[in-house]
Amino acid sequence: MSLTLVMEHVEAPSTSTSLAPREQEALRHIAAGCTYLQAARNMGLSKHTVDAYLRRIRAKFGVNTTAELTRLAISLGL
């Protein structure tokens, strides 16, 4: 017996129209495994600013967890 995992195909939104460049950068750092503080240091920002970027991304795409943010980054090709 074999199991087949079937994933629903969801069209990824265009990165350029959906996310601001700094939002993309923050998402890329989080998807790479950085903490908010590490992402902020890499970007030369406060962790509160990175948090604001990620809250905006969560609101735009309806995601709630860091795992979902990572999945979003992969689907956007970041």
Protein backbone atom coordinates (compact mmCIF):
# COMPACT_ATOMS: atom_id res chain seq x y z
CA MET A 1 0.00 0.00 0.00
CA SER A 2 1.32 3.44 -0.87
CA LEU A 3 0.21 6.87 0.22
CA THR A 4 0.12 9.82 -2.08
CA LEU A 5 0.10 13.32 -0.71
CA VAL A 6 -1.90 15.70 -2.83
CA MET A 7 -1.46 19.41 -2.26
CA GLU A 8 -3.98 21.91 -3.47
CA HIS A 9 -2.40 24.15 -6.09
CA VAL A 10 -2.52 27.78 -5.04
CA GLU A 11 -1.36 30.46 -7.39
CA ALA A 12 1.42 32.50 -5.78
CA PRO A 13 0.84 36.24 -5.95
CA SER A 14 3.33 38.44 -7.73
CA THR A 15 6.09 39.48 -5.34
CA SER A 16 6.58 42.92 -6.83
CA THR A 17 2.94 43.98 -6.46
CA SER A 18 2.24 42.22 -3.16
CA LEU A 19 5.19 43.07 -0.94
CA ALA A 20 7.32 46.15 -0.48
CA PRO A 21 11.07 45.57 -0.89
CA ARG A 22 11.72 45.82 2.87
CA GLU A 23 8.84 43.41 3.56
CA GLN A 24 10.43 40.97 1.13
CA GLU A 25 13.78 41.35 2.86
CA ALA A 26 12.29 40.82 6.32
CA LEU A 27 10.39 37.75 5.10
CA ARG A 28 13.55 36.36 3.50
CA HIS A 29 15.45 36.66 6.81
CA ILE A 30 12.68 35.01 8.82
CA ALA A 31 12.37 32.19 6.27
CA ALA A 32 16.15 31.67 6.55
CA GLY A 33 15.70 31.01 10.26
CA CYS A 34 16.66 34.37 11.72
CA THR A 35 14.92 35.72 14.79
CA TYR A 36 13.25 39.13 14.60
CA LEU A 37 16.25 40.63 16.36
CA GLN A 38 18.74 38.99 13.98
CA ALA A 39 16.69 40.11 10.97
CA ALA A 40 16.57 43.64 12.39
CA ARG A 41 20.32 43.74 12.90
CA ASN A 42 20.94 42.45 9.36
CA MET A 43 18.60 45.10 7.97
CA GLY A 44 19.84 47.93 10.20
CA LEU A 45 16.41 48.37 11.80
CA SER A 46 14.77 47.91 15.20
CA LYS A 47 13.07 44.61 15.94
CA HIS A 48 9.81 46.56 16.26
CA THR A 49 10.08 47.69 12.64
CA VAL A 50 10.70 44.12 11.47
CA ASP A 51 7.70 43.04 13.56
CA ALA A 52 5.60 45.71 11.82
CA TYR A 53 6.68 44.48 8.38
CA LEU A 54 5.82 40.90 9.28
CA ARG A 55 2.45 41.91 10.76
CA ARG A 56 1.63 43.63 7.45
CA ILE A 57 2.62 40.48 5.54
CA ARG A 58 0.46 38.34 7.85
CA ALA A 59 -2.50 40.65 7.27
CA LYS A 60 -2.04 40.71 3.48
CA PHE A 61 -1.85 36.93 3.13
CA GLY A 62 -3.84 35.74 6.13
CA VAL A 63 -1.01 33.75 7.71
CA ASN A 64 -0.55 33.31 11.45
CA THR A 65 2.65 31.38 12.15
CA THR A 66 6.32 31.60 11.30
CA ALA A 67 5.99 28.27 9.51
CA GLU A 68 3.32 29.78 7.27
CA LEU A 69 5.56 32.81 6.64
CA THR A 70 8.34 30.45 5.60
CA ARG A 71 6.00 28.57 3.29
CA LEU A 72 4.87 31.90 1.80
CA ALA A 73 8.50 32.92 1.21
CA ILE A 74 9.15 29.66 -0.61
CA SER A 75 6.03 30.03 -2.76
CA LEU A 76 7.09 33.57 -3.66
CA GLY A 77 10.57 32.40 -4.58
CA LEU A 78 12.31 34.40 -1.88
